[in-house]
N, C-alpha and C. Protein backbone atom coordinates (compact mmCIF):
# COMPACT_ATOMS: atom_id res chain seq x y z
N ASP A 1 122.43 -119.76 81.46
CA ASP A 1 123.87 -119.81 81.34
C ASP A 1 124.36 -118.68 80.45
N ARG A 2 124.42 -117.49 80.94
CA ARG A 2 124.77 -116.30 80.17
C ARG A 2 126.25 -115.92 80.32
N ILE A 3 127.04 -116.69 80.99
CA ILE A 3 128.44 -116.45 81.17
C ILE A 3 129.20 -117.01 80.00
N PRO A 4 130.02 -116.23 79.29
CA PRO A 4 130.77 -116.73 78.14
C PRO A 4 131.66 -117.88 78.55
N GLY A 5 131.86 -118.81 77.61
CA GLY A 5 132.66 -120.01 77.89
C GLY A 5 134.08 -119.70 78.37
N ARG A 6 134.66 -118.66 77.81
CA ARG A 6 136.03 -118.34 78.20
C ARG A 6 136.12 -117.96 79.66
N LEU A 7 135.13 -117.23 80.17
CA LEU A 7 135.10 -116.86 81.59
C LEU A 7 134.71 -118.00 82.47
N GLN A 8 133.87 -118.90 81.97
CA GLN A 8 133.46 -120.03 82.78
C GLN A 8 134.66 -120.93 83.18
N ASN A 9 135.56 -121.08 82.24
CA ASN A 9 136.62 -122.01 82.43
C ASN A 9 137.95 -121.37 82.87
N LEU A 10 137.90 -120.09 83.29
CA LEU A 10 139.12 -119.39 83.57
C LEU A 10 139.78 -119.89 84.85
N SER A 11 138.97 -120.30 85.82
CA SER A 11 139.52 -120.65 87.14
C SER A 11 139.48 -122.14 87.41
N VAL A 12 139.67 -122.97 86.42
CA VAL A 12 139.62 -124.40 86.61
C VAL A 12 140.89 -124.89 87.33
N THR A 13 140.81 -126.04 87.93
CA THR A 13 141.98 -126.64 88.53
C THR A 13 142.35 -127.87 87.80
N GLY A 14 143.32 -128.64 88.32
CA GLY A 14 143.84 -129.81 87.66
C GLY A 14 142.81 -130.92 87.42
N SER A 15 141.69 -130.90 88.13
CA SER A 15 140.70 -131.95 87.94
C SER A 15 139.89 -131.81 86.65
N ASN A 16 140.01 -130.68 85.99
CA ASN A 16 139.22 -130.43 84.78
C ASN A 16 140.17 -129.96 83.70
N PRO A 17 140.68 -130.83 82.84
CA PRO A 17 141.59 -130.41 81.81
C PRO A 17 140.87 -129.47 80.84
N ASP A 18 141.55 -128.38 80.58
CA ASP A 18 140.96 -127.36 79.70
C ASP A 18 142.05 -126.57 79.06
N LYS A 19 141.81 -125.92 77.99
CA LYS A 19 142.90 -125.13 77.39
C LYS A 19 143.30 -123.90 78.13
N TYR A 20 142.49 -123.50 79.14
CA TYR A 20 142.88 -122.35 79.97
C TYR A 20 143.73 -122.79 81.16
N LEU A 21 143.82 -124.08 81.34
CA LEU A 21 144.67 -124.58 82.48
C LEU A 21 146.12 -124.72 82.01
N LEU A 22 146.98 -123.97 82.65
CA LEU A 22 148.38 -123.97 82.22
C LEU A 22 149.22 -125.02 82.85
N LEU A 23 149.04 -125.24 84.16
CA LEU A 23 149.81 -126.27 84.93
C LEU A 23 148.79 -127.11 85.67
N PRO A 24 149.05 -128.41 85.78
CA PRO A 24 148.10 -129.27 86.49
C PRO A 24 148.07 -128.94 87.99
N TYR A 25 146.87 -128.98 88.55
CA TYR A 25 146.59 -128.77 90.01
C TYR A 25 146.95 -127.41 90.50
N ILE A 26 147.14 -126.43 89.64
CA ILE A 26 147.35 -125.10 90.05
C ILE A 26 146.27 -124.26 89.39
N PRO A 27 145.41 -123.55 90.17
CA PRO A 27 144.35 -122.76 89.58
C PRO A 27 144.93 -121.65 88.65
N SER A 28 144.19 -121.39 87.58
CA SER A 28 144.63 -120.35 86.65
C SER A 28 144.67 -118.99 87.33
N ASN A 29 143.78 -118.76 88.33
CA ASN A 29 143.82 -117.51 89.06
C ASN A 29 145.16 -117.29 89.73
N ALA A 30 145.73 -118.33 90.33
CA ALA A 30 146.99 -118.22 90.99
C ALA A 30 148.12 -117.94 90.01
N ILE A 31 148.04 -118.54 88.85
CA ILE A 31 149.07 -118.32 87.83
C ILE A 31 149.01 -116.92 87.32
N VAL A 32 147.83 -116.37 87.11
CA VAL A 32 147.68 -114.95 86.70
C VAL A 32 148.18 -114.04 87.74
N ALA A 33 147.85 -114.30 89.01
CA ALA A 33 148.33 -113.45 90.09
C ALA A 33 149.82 -113.46 90.23
N ILE A 34 150.46 -114.63 90.09
CA ILE A 34 151.91 -114.73 90.16
C ILE A 34 152.57 -113.98 89.01
N LEU A 35 152.01 -114.13 87.80
CA LEU A 35 152.55 -113.39 86.67
C LEU A 35 152.45 -111.87 86.82
N LEU A 36 151.31 -111.40 87.32
CA LEU A 36 151.12 -109.96 87.48
C LEU A 36 152.04 -109.49 88.60
N ALA A 37 152.23 -110.25 89.66
CA ALA A 37 153.17 -109.86 90.73
C ALA A 37 154.60 -109.75 90.18
N CYS A 38 155.00 -110.66 89.35
CA CYS A 38 156.35 -110.65 88.77
C CYS A 38 156.52 -109.40 87.87
N VAL A 39 155.54 -109.11 87.06
CA VAL A 39 155.60 -107.92 86.18
C VAL A 39 155.70 -106.64 87.04
N VAL A 40 154.84 -106.54 88.05
CA VAL A 40 154.89 -105.31 88.91
C VAL A 40 156.21 -105.23 89.63
N ALA A 41 156.72 -106.33 90.14
CA ALA A 41 158.02 -106.30 90.86
C ALA A 41 159.13 -105.86 89.90
N PHE A 42 159.11 -106.36 88.65
CA PHE A 42 160.11 -105.92 87.67
C PHE A 42 159.99 -104.42 87.42
N ILE A 43 158.78 -103.94 87.20
CA ILE A 43 158.59 -102.50 86.94
C ILE A 43 159.07 -101.66 88.11
N LEU A 44 158.72 -102.02 89.32
CA LEU A 44 159.14 -101.23 90.51
C LEU A 44 160.62 -101.26 90.69
N ARG A 45 161.29 -102.37 90.39
CA ARG A 45 162.70 -102.46 90.72
C ARG A 45 163.62 -102.00 89.61
N TYR A 46 163.25 -102.20 88.35
CA TYR A 46 164.22 -101.96 87.24
C TYR A 46 163.81 -100.84 86.28
N THR A 47 162.79 -100.09 86.58
CA THR A 47 162.41 -99.02 85.63
C THR A 47 162.48 -97.64 86.32
N VAL A 48 162.55 -96.65 85.49
CA VAL A 48 162.51 -95.27 86.04
C VAL A 48 161.18 -95.00 86.68
N PHE A 49 160.12 -95.51 86.14
CA PHE A 49 158.78 -95.34 86.71
C PHE A 49 158.77 -95.86 88.13
N GLY A 50 159.35 -97.03 88.37
CA GLY A 50 159.36 -97.60 89.74
C GLY A 50 160.20 -96.75 90.69
N ARG A 51 161.36 -96.30 90.24
CA ARG A 51 162.18 -95.45 91.13
C ARG A 51 161.45 -94.13 91.42
N ASN A 52 160.83 -93.55 90.44
CA ASN A 52 160.07 -92.34 90.63
C ASN A 52 158.93 -92.56 91.60
N LEU A 53 158.29 -93.70 91.53
CA LEU A 53 157.17 -94.03 92.39
C LEU A 53 157.62 -94.13 93.84
N PHE A 54 158.74 -94.82 94.08
CA PHE A 54 159.26 -94.90 95.42
C PHE A 54 159.72 -93.52 95.93
N ALA A 55 160.27 -92.70 95.04
CA ALA A 55 160.66 -91.36 95.44
C ALA A 55 159.42 -90.53 95.82
N LEU A 56 158.38 -90.66 95.03
CA LEU A 56 157.13 -89.94 95.32
C LEU A 56 156.52 -90.38 96.70
N GLY A 57 156.56 -91.67 96.92
CA GLY A 57 156.07 -92.19 98.18
C GLY A 57 156.89 -91.83 99.37
N SER A 58 158.19 -91.67 99.16
CA SER A 58 159.07 -91.34 100.24
C SER A 58 158.95 -89.89 100.67
N ASN A 59 159.00 -88.98 99.69
CA ASN A 59 158.94 -87.57 100.01
C ASN A 59 158.43 -86.79 98.79
N ARG A 60 157.21 -86.35 98.90
CA ARG A 60 156.53 -85.70 97.75
C ARG A 60 157.24 -84.44 97.31
N SER A 61 157.61 -83.57 98.26
CA SER A 61 158.22 -82.31 97.87
C SER A 61 159.60 -82.48 97.25
N THR A 62 160.38 -83.44 97.78
CA THR A 62 161.69 -83.73 97.24
C THR A 62 161.53 -84.32 95.82
N ALA A 63 160.55 -85.16 95.62
CA ALA A 63 160.31 -85.73 94.31
C ALA A 63 159.93 -84.65 93.31
N ARG A 64 159.15 -83.66 93.72
CA ARG A 64 158.79 -82.54 92.83
C ARG A 64 160.04 -81.73 92.49
N LEU A 65 160.89 -81.51 93.50
CA LEU A 65 162.10 -80.75 93.22
C LEU A 65 163.10 -81.46 92.30
N CYS A 66 163.01 -82.82 92.31
CA CYS A 66 163.86 -83.61 91.40
C CYS A 66 163.33 -83.66 89.98
N GLY A 67 162.18 -83.06 89.74
CA GLY A 67 161.62 -83.05 88.40
C GLY A 67 160.67 -84.14 88.05
N ILE A 68 160.23 -84.86 89.04
CA ILE A 68 159.30 -85.96 88.80
C ILE A 68 157.89 -85.34 88.64
N PRO A 69 157.22 -85.70 87.51
CA PRO A 69 155.86 -85.17 87.30
C PRO A 69 154.90 -85.81 88.25
N ILE A 70 154.58 -85.15 89.33
CA ILE A 70 153.82 -85.78 90.45
C ILE A 70 152.40 -86.07 90.01
N THR A 71 151.72 -85.16 89.37
CA THR A 71 150.35 -85.37 88.97
C THR A 71 150.25 -86.55 87.98
N LEU A 72 151.16 -86.54 86.98
CA LEU A 72 151.14 -87.64 86.02
C LEU A 72 151.40 -89.00 86.72
N MET A 73 152.35 -89.02 87.68
CA MET A 73 152.65 -90.26 88.39
C MET A 73 151.41 -90.74 89.19
N GLN A 74 150.72 -89.80 89.84
CA GLN A 74 149.55 -90.17 90.65
C GLN A 74 148.43 -90.72 89.74
N VAL A 75 148.20 -90.04 88.61
CA VAL A 75 147.16 -90.51 87.70
C VAL A 75 147.52 -91.89 87.13
N SER A 76 148.80 -92.09 86.81
CA SER A 76 149.25 -93.39 86.33
C SER A 76 149.08 -94.49 87.35
N VAL A 77 149.42 -94.18 88.61
CA VAL A 77 149.30 -95.19 89.65
C VAL A 77 147.81 -95.55 89.91
N TYR A 78 146.94 -94.53 89.94
CA TYR A 78 145.52 -94.83 90.14
C TYR A 78 144.94 -95.56 88.95
N THR A 79 145.39 -95.26 87.76
CA THR A 79 144.93 -95.99 86.58
C THR A 79 145.35 -97.39 86.62
N LEU A 80 146.62 -97.67 86.94
CA LEU A 80 147.11 -99.04 87.08
C LEU A 80 146.41 -99.78 88.16
N ALA A 81 146.11 -99.10 89.27
CA ALA A 81 145.38 -99.72 90.38
C ALA A 81 144.00 -100.14 89.93
N GLY A 82 143.34 -99.28 89.17
CA GLY A 82 142.03 -99.59 88.60
C GLY A 82 142.08 -100.80 87.69
N LEU A 83 143.12 -100.84 86.88
CA LEU A 83 143.31 -102.01 85.97
C LEU A 83 143.45 -103.29 86.77
N PHE A 84 144.30 -103.28 87.82
CA PHE A 84 144.52 -104.45 88.60
C PHE A 84 143.25 -104.85 89.40
N PHE A 85 142.50 -103.86 89.88
CA PHE A 85 141.23 -104.18 90.56
C PHE A 85 140.25 -104.83 89.56
N ALA A 86 140.21 -104.35 88.29
CA ALA A 86 139.37 -104.91 87.31
C ALA A 86 139.77 -106.34 87.02
N ILE A 87 141.08 -106.64 86.87
CA ILE A 87 141.53 -107.99 86.63
C ILE A 87 141.15 -108.88 87.80
N GLY A 88 141.38 -108.35 89.04
CA GLY A 88 140.99 -109.14 90.23
C GLY A 88 139.51 -109.44 90.23
N GLY A 89 138.71 -108.48 89.85
CA GLY A 89 137.23 -108.65 89.81
C GLY A 89 136.88 -109.74 88.79
N LEU A 90 137.51 -109.69 87.63
CA LEU A 90 137.25 -110.71 86.62
C LEU A 90 137.62 -112.10 87.09
N LEU A 91 138.81 -112.22 87.75
CA LEU A 91 139.23 -113.52 88.26
C LEU A 91 138.25 -114.00 89.36
N TYR A 92 137.81 -113.09 90.22
CA TYR A 92 136.86 -113.45 91.26
C TYR A 92 135.53 -113.93 90.64
N PHE A 93 135.08 -113.19 89.67
CA PHE A 93 133.83 -113.52 88.97
C PHE A 93 133.96 -114.87 88.31
N ALA A 94 135.13 -115.17 87.69
CA ALA A 94 135.32 -116.43 87.03
C ALA A 94 135.31 -117.57 88.03
N GLU A 95 135.76 -117.31 89.25
CA GLU A 95 135.82 -118.39 90.28
C GLU A 95 134.44 -118.65 90.87
N VAL A 96 133.71 -117.61 91.24
CA VAL A 96 132.45 -117.82 91.95
C VAL A 96 131.25 -117.89 90.99
N LYS A 97 131.42 -117.45 89.75
CA LYS A 97 130.38 -117.43 88.72
C LYS A 97 129.16 -116.60 89.14
N ASN A 98 129.46 -115.55 89.92
CA ASN A 98 128.34 -114.69 90.43
C ASN A 98 128.96 -113.34 90.75
N GLY A 99 128.29 -112.29 90.33
CA GLY A 99 128.74 -110.96 90.63
C GLY A 99 127.93 -110.36 91.77
N ASN A 100 128.55 -110.04 92.86
CA ASN A 100 127.87 -109.42 93.99
C ASN A 100 128.71 -108.28 94.52
N PRO A 101 128.31 -107.03 94.25
CA PRO A 101 129.15 -105.88 94.58
C PRO A 101 129.60 -105.80 96.06
N PRO A 102 128.77 -106.17 97.03
CA PRO A 102 129.25 -106.11 98.43
C PRO A 102 130.31 -107.11 98.81
N ASP A 103 130.64 -108.05 97.92
CA ASP A 103 131.65 -109.09 98.28
C ASP A 103 133.00 -108.49 98.65
N GLY A 104 133.38 -107.35 98.11
CA GLY A 104 134.65 -106.77 98.39
C GLY A 104 134.66 -105.87 99.62
N THR A 105 133.50 -105.69 100.27
CA THR A 105 133.43 -104.81 101.42
C THR A 105 134.25 -105.37 102.59
N GLY A 106 135.08 -104.54 103.15
CA GLY A 106 135.88 -104.96 104.29
C GLY A 106 137.24 -105.52 103.92
N LYS A 107 137.52 -105.67 102.65
CA LYS A 107 138.78 -106.24 102.21
C LYS A 107 139.93 -105.21 102.37
N GLU A 108 139.60 -103.96 102.51
CA GLU A 108 140.59 -102.91 102.61
C GLU A 108 141.45 -103.17 103.82
N LEU A 109 140.85 -103.61 104.94
CA LEU A 109 141.59 -103.90 106.17
C LEU A 109 142.62 -105.00 105.95
N GLU A 110 142.14 -106.07 105.23
CA GLU A 110 143.09 -107.16 104.98
C GLU A 110 144.21 -106.76 104.02
N ILE A 111 143.90 -105.92 103.03
CA ILE A 111 144.97 -105.46 102.08
C ILE A 111 145.98 -104.64 102.83
N ILE A 112 145.54 -103.70 103.70
CA ILE A 112 146.49 -102.87 104.45
C ILE A 112 147.32 -103.75 105.37
N ALA A 113 146.65 -104.70 105.97
CA ALA A 113 147.37 -105.60 106.90
C ALA A 113 148.41 -106.39 106.14
N ALA A 114 148.08 -106.89 104.92
CA ALA A 114 149.05 -107.64 104.13
C ALA A 114 150.26 -106.81 103.77
N VAL A 115 150.03 -105.57 103.36
CA VAL A 115 151.17 -104.70 102.90
C VAL A 115 152.04 -104.40 104.12
N VAL A 116 151.43 -104.08 105.24
CA VAL A 116 152.25 -103.71 106.41
C VAL A 116 152.96 -104.91 106.96
N LEU A 117 152.33 -106.09 106.96
CA LEU A 117 153.01 -107.33 107.37
C LEU A 117 154.17 -107.68 106.41
N GLY A 118 154.00 -107.32 105.17
CA GLY A 118 155.02 -107.60 104.17
C GLY A 118 156.18 -106.63 104.19
N GLY A 119 156.17 -105.67 105.10
CA GLY A 119 157.32 -104.72 105.19
C GLY A 119 157.06 -103.36 104.57
N GLY A 120 155.87 -103.17 104.01
CA GLY A 120 155.57 -101.82 103.47
C GLY A 120 155.32 -100.85 104.57
N SER A 121 155.75 -99.60 104.33
CA SER A 121 155.59 -98.54 105.39
C SER A 121 154.37 -97.76 105.11
N LEU A 122 153.61 -97.48 106.18
CA LEU A 122 152.41 -96.66 106.01
C LEU A 122 152.79 -95.18 105.69
N SER A 123 154.01 -94.78 106.00
CA SER A 123 154.43 -93.45 105.65
C SER A 123 154.94 -93.38 104.24
N GLY A 124 155.06 -94.49 103.56
CA GLY A 124 155.44 -94.51 102.14
C GLY A 124 156.92 -94.67 101.85
N GLY A 125 157.24 -94.99 100.60
CA GLY A 125 158.61 -95.06 100.12
C GLY A 125 159.35 -96.34 100.40
N ARG A 126 158.66 -97.31 100.96
CA ARG A 126 159.30 -98.59 101.32
C ARG A 126 158.36 -99.73 101.10
N GLY A 127 158.86 -100.84 100.63
CA GLY A 127 158.03 -102.03 100.49
C GLY A 127 158.46 -102.79 99.23
N SER A 128 157.87 -104.00 99.14
CA SER A 128 158.18 -104.80 97.93
C SER A 128 156.94 -105.67 97.59
N VAL A 129 156.89 -106.11 96.38
CA VAL A 129 155.80 -106.93 95.92
C VAL A 129 155.89 -108.30 96.61
N LEU A 130 157.07 -108.87 96.73
CA LEU A 130 157.19 -110.18 97.39
C LEU A 130 156.80 -110.05 98.83
N GLY A 131 157.14 -109.01 99.51
CA GLY A 131 156.70 -108.83 100.89
C GLY A 131 155.22 -108.70 101.05
N SER A 132 154.59 -108.01 100.09
CA SER A 132 153.15 -107.88 100.13
C SER A 132 152.46 -109.22 99.87
N VAL A 133 153.03 -110.01 98.97
CA VAL A 133 152.47 -111.35 98.67
C VAL A 133 152.58 -112.24 99.89
N ILE A 134 153.73 -112.19 100.55
CA ILE A 134 153.93 -112.99 101.78
C ILE A 134 152.95 -112.53 102.86
N GLY A 135 152.78 -111.17 103.01
CA GLY A 135 151.82 -110.67 103.95
C GLY A 135 150.40 -111.12 103.62
N ALA A 136 150.06 -111.17 102.34
CA ALA A 136 148.71 -111.64 101.94
C ALA A 136 148.53 -113.11 102.33
N LEU A 137 149.61 -113.87 102.08
CA LEU A 137 149.49 -115.32 102.44
C LEU A 137 149.35 -115.49 103.98
N ILE A 138 149.99 -114.61 104.73
CA ILE A 138 149.87 -114.71 106.21
C ILE A 138 148.41 -114.35 106.60
N ILE A 139 147.86 -113.31 105.98
CA ILE A 139 146.46 -112.92 106.35
C ILE A 139 145.51 -114.00 105.91
N VAL A 140 145.69 -114.61 104.76
CA VAL A 140 144.76 -115.64 104.29
C VAL A 140 144.88 -116.86 105.21
N THR A 141 146.08 -117.17 105.69
CA THR A 141 146.28 -118.27 106.60
C THR A 141 145.56 -117.99 107.94
N ILE A 142 145.66 -116.79 108.43
CA ILE A 142 144.97 -116.40 109.68
C ILE A 142 143.45 -116.49 109.47
N ARG A 143 142.96 -115.95 108.35
CA ARG A 143 141.54 -116.00 108.06
C ARG A 143 141.06 -117.47 107.95
N ASN A 144 141.79 -118.27 107.25
CA ASN A 144 141.34 -119.70 107.10
C ASN A 144 141.47 -120.42 108.46
N GLY A 145 142.45 -120.11 109.25
CA GLY A 145 142.55 -120.72 110.61
C GLY A 145 141.41 -120.33 111.46
N CYS A 146 141.00 -119.06 111.39
CA CYS A 146 139.84 -118.62 112.19
C CYS A 146 138.58 -119.31 111.74
N THR A 147 138.47 -119.51 110.41
CA THR A 147 137.28 -120.24 109.86
C THR A 147 137.26 -121.66 110.36
N LEU A 148 138.43 -122.34 110.29
CA LEU A 148 138.51 -123.74 110.74
C LEU A 148 138.22 -123.88 112.23
N LEU A 149 138.62 -122.88 113.00
CA LEU A 149 138.38 -122.86 114.43
C LEU A 149 136.97 -122.37 114.80
N GLN A 150 136.19 -122.03 113.77
CA GLN A 150 134.86 -121.50 113.90
C GLN A 150 134.76 -120.22 114.77
N ILE A 151 135.77 -119.36 114.57
CA ILE A 151 135.77 -118.08 115.24
C ILE A 151 134.89 -117.18 114.41
N PRO A 152 133.99 -116.40 115.00
CA PRO A 152 133.13 -115.51 114.28
C PRO A 152 133.95 -114.41 113.51
N ASN A 153 133.36 -113.95 112.41
CA ASN A 153 134.03 -112.93 111.60
C ASN A 153 134.37 -111.68 112.40
N THR A 154 133.56 -111.29 113.31
CA THR A 154 133.85 -110.11 114.14
C THR A 154 135.14 -110.26 114.83
N TYR A 155 135.39 -111.42 115.42
CA TYR A 155 136.63 -111.64 116.17
C TYR A 155 137.83 -111.82 115.20
N THR A 156 137.54 -112.31 113.99
CA THR A 156 138.61 -112.39 113.02
C THR A 156 139.11 -111.01 112.60
N TYR A 157 138.18 -110.05 112.44
CA TYR A 157 138.56 -108.66 112.11
C TYR A 157 139.29 -108.07 113.29
N ILE A 158 138.97 -108.37 114.50
CA ILE A 158 139.69 -107.88 115.66
C ILE A 158 141.09 -108.42 115.66
N ILE A 159 141.24 -109.68 115.40
CA ILE A 159 142.59 -110.28 115.32
C ILE A 159 143.44 -109.62 114.27
N ILE A 160 142.88 -109.41 113.07
CA ILE A 160 143.60 -108.75 112.00
C ILE A 160 143.93 -107.30 112.38
N GLY A 161 142.99 -106.59 113.06
CA GLY A 161 143.28 -105.25 113.51
C GLY A 161 144.42 -105.17 114.54
N VAL A 162 144.47 -106.12 115.46
CA VAL A 162 145.52 -106.18 116.42
C VAL A 162 146.86 -106.42 115.66
N ILE A 163 146.86 -107.27 114.69
CA ILE A 163 148.05 -107.49 113.92
C ILE A 163 148.51 -106.27 113.19
N ILE A 164 147.54 -105.50 112.67
CA ILE A 164 147.91 -104.21 112.01
C ILE A 164 148.55 -103.26 113.04
N ILE A 165 147.90 -103.14 114.19
CA ILE A 165 148.45 -102.21 115.22
C ILE A 165 149.86 -102.61 115.60
N VAL A 166 150.08 -103.86 115.83
CA VAL A 166 151.43 -104.37 116.20
C VAL A 166 152.46 -104.08 115.06
N ALA A 167 152.02 -104.37 113.82
CA ALA A 167 152.89 -104.13 112.68
C ALA A 167 153.24 -102.68 112.50
N VAL A 168 152.26 -101.78 112.76
CA VAL A 168 152.52 -100.33 112.64
C VAL A 168 153.47 -99.90 113.72
N ILE A 169 153.30 -100.39 114.94
CA ILE A 169 154.26 -100.04 116.01
C ILE A 169 155.66 -100.54 115.70
N VAL A 170 155.77 -101.78 115.17
CA VAL A 170 157.10 -102.28 114.79
C VAL A 170 157.69 -101.41 113.65
N ASP A 171 156.82 -101.02 112.67
CA ASP A 171 157.30 -100.21 111.57
C ASP A 171 157.83 -98.86 112.05
N GLN A 172 157.10 -98.22 112.99
CA GLN A 172 157.53 -96.95 113.51
C GLN A 172 158.82 -97.08 114.33
N LEU A 173 158.94 -98.14 115.08
CA LEU A 173 160.18 -98.33 115.86
C LEU A 173 161.34 -98.64 114.92
N ARG A 174 161.10 -99.33 113.86
CA ARG A 174 162.13 -99.70 112.89
C ARG A 174 162.58 -98.48 112.10
N SER A 175 161.65 -97.54 111.90
CA SER A 175 162.03 -96.36 111.12
C SER A 175 162.82 -95.37 111.97
N GLY A 176 162.96 -95.59 113.24
CA GLY A 176 163.77 -94.77 114.10
C GLY A 176 163.12 -93.45 114.50
N SER A 177 161.82 -93.38 114.50
CA SER A 177 161.17 -92.15 114.91
C SER A 177 160.21 -92.44 116.04
N PRO A 178 160.71 -92.55 117.28
CA PRO A 178 159.90 -92.94 118.42
C PRO A 178 159.12 -91.70 119.00
N GLU A 179 159.21 -90.56 118.37
CA GLU A 179 158.52 -89.36 118.89
C GLU A 179 157.05 -89.58 119.07
N TRP A 180 156.44 -90.36 118.19
CA TRP A 180 155.02 -90.56 118.29
C TRP A 180 154.64 -91.32 119.57
N LEU A 181 155.56 -92.07 120.13
CA LEU A 181 155.28 -92.81 121.38
C LEU A 181 155.10 -91.83 122.56
N PHE A 182 155.83 -90.71 122.49
CA PHE A 182 155.75 -89.75 123.59
C PHE A 182 154.37 -89.11 123.76
N ARG A 183 153.60 -89.16 122.70
CA ARG A 183 152.27 -88.59 122.78
C ARG A 183 151.36 -89.34 123.76
N PHE A 184 151.70 -90.64 123.99
CA PHE A 184 150.89 -91.46 124.87
C PHE A 184 151.36 -91.42 126.29
N LEU A 185 152.50 -90.81 126.57
CA LEU A 185 153.02 -90.70 127.95
C LEU A 185 152.56 -89.44 128.58
N PRO A 186 152.43 -89.42 129.89
CA PRO A 186 152.08 -88.20 130.58
C PRO A 186 153.23 -87.21 130.41
N ALA A 187 152.88 -85.91 130.55
CA ALA A 187 153.89 -84.87 130.30
C ALA A 187 155.03 -84.94 131.32
N SER A 188 154.83 -85.46 132.51
CA SER A 188 155.89 -85.53 133.49
C SER A 188 156.90 -86.60 133.16
N ASN A 189 156.55 -87.56 132.33
CA ASN A 189 157.52 -88.66 131.95
C ASN A 189 158.35 -88.40 130.70
N ARG A 190 158.10 -87.26 130.06
CA ARG A 190 158.78 -86.98 128.79
C ARG A 190 160.17 -86.57 128.99
């Protein structure tokens, strides 16, 4: 038993009263995730850093011309992403009480699907934390439904991939740039 006591009890639920449990019947991991989502949503919406980040995602050259320090912004975003990945890893470790590096393999597809389903644009400059959280809940519901229906993981990934493709097509149509559709048509139909 080499796991420190603080980490062992981090992800308890209402059935085990502990000082790390903030609300009954809600896992501490969910509370931490909600708090982090609220902090990030506040930063993106109400700070100069958030506005600069959306400007950088929307159009890099225009952001540079507006005086936004692009390199500093990128380093800051990657640093914050690393911090959030580390927090997520700690929460995952606290829940399963086991560290296995390949456990996160393949999660990139689900993360991209969650962001796109939540209204984030793959071309950048648009999206919200609430939308991404809702997209993540949709993906988790689909994954759990496939598990309950005993659908193999291979088909689950295919279903999520189809959802991504449909979401990207809807995103492109919504952005008003249907030129990419013409690439799939024969030259005589253009």
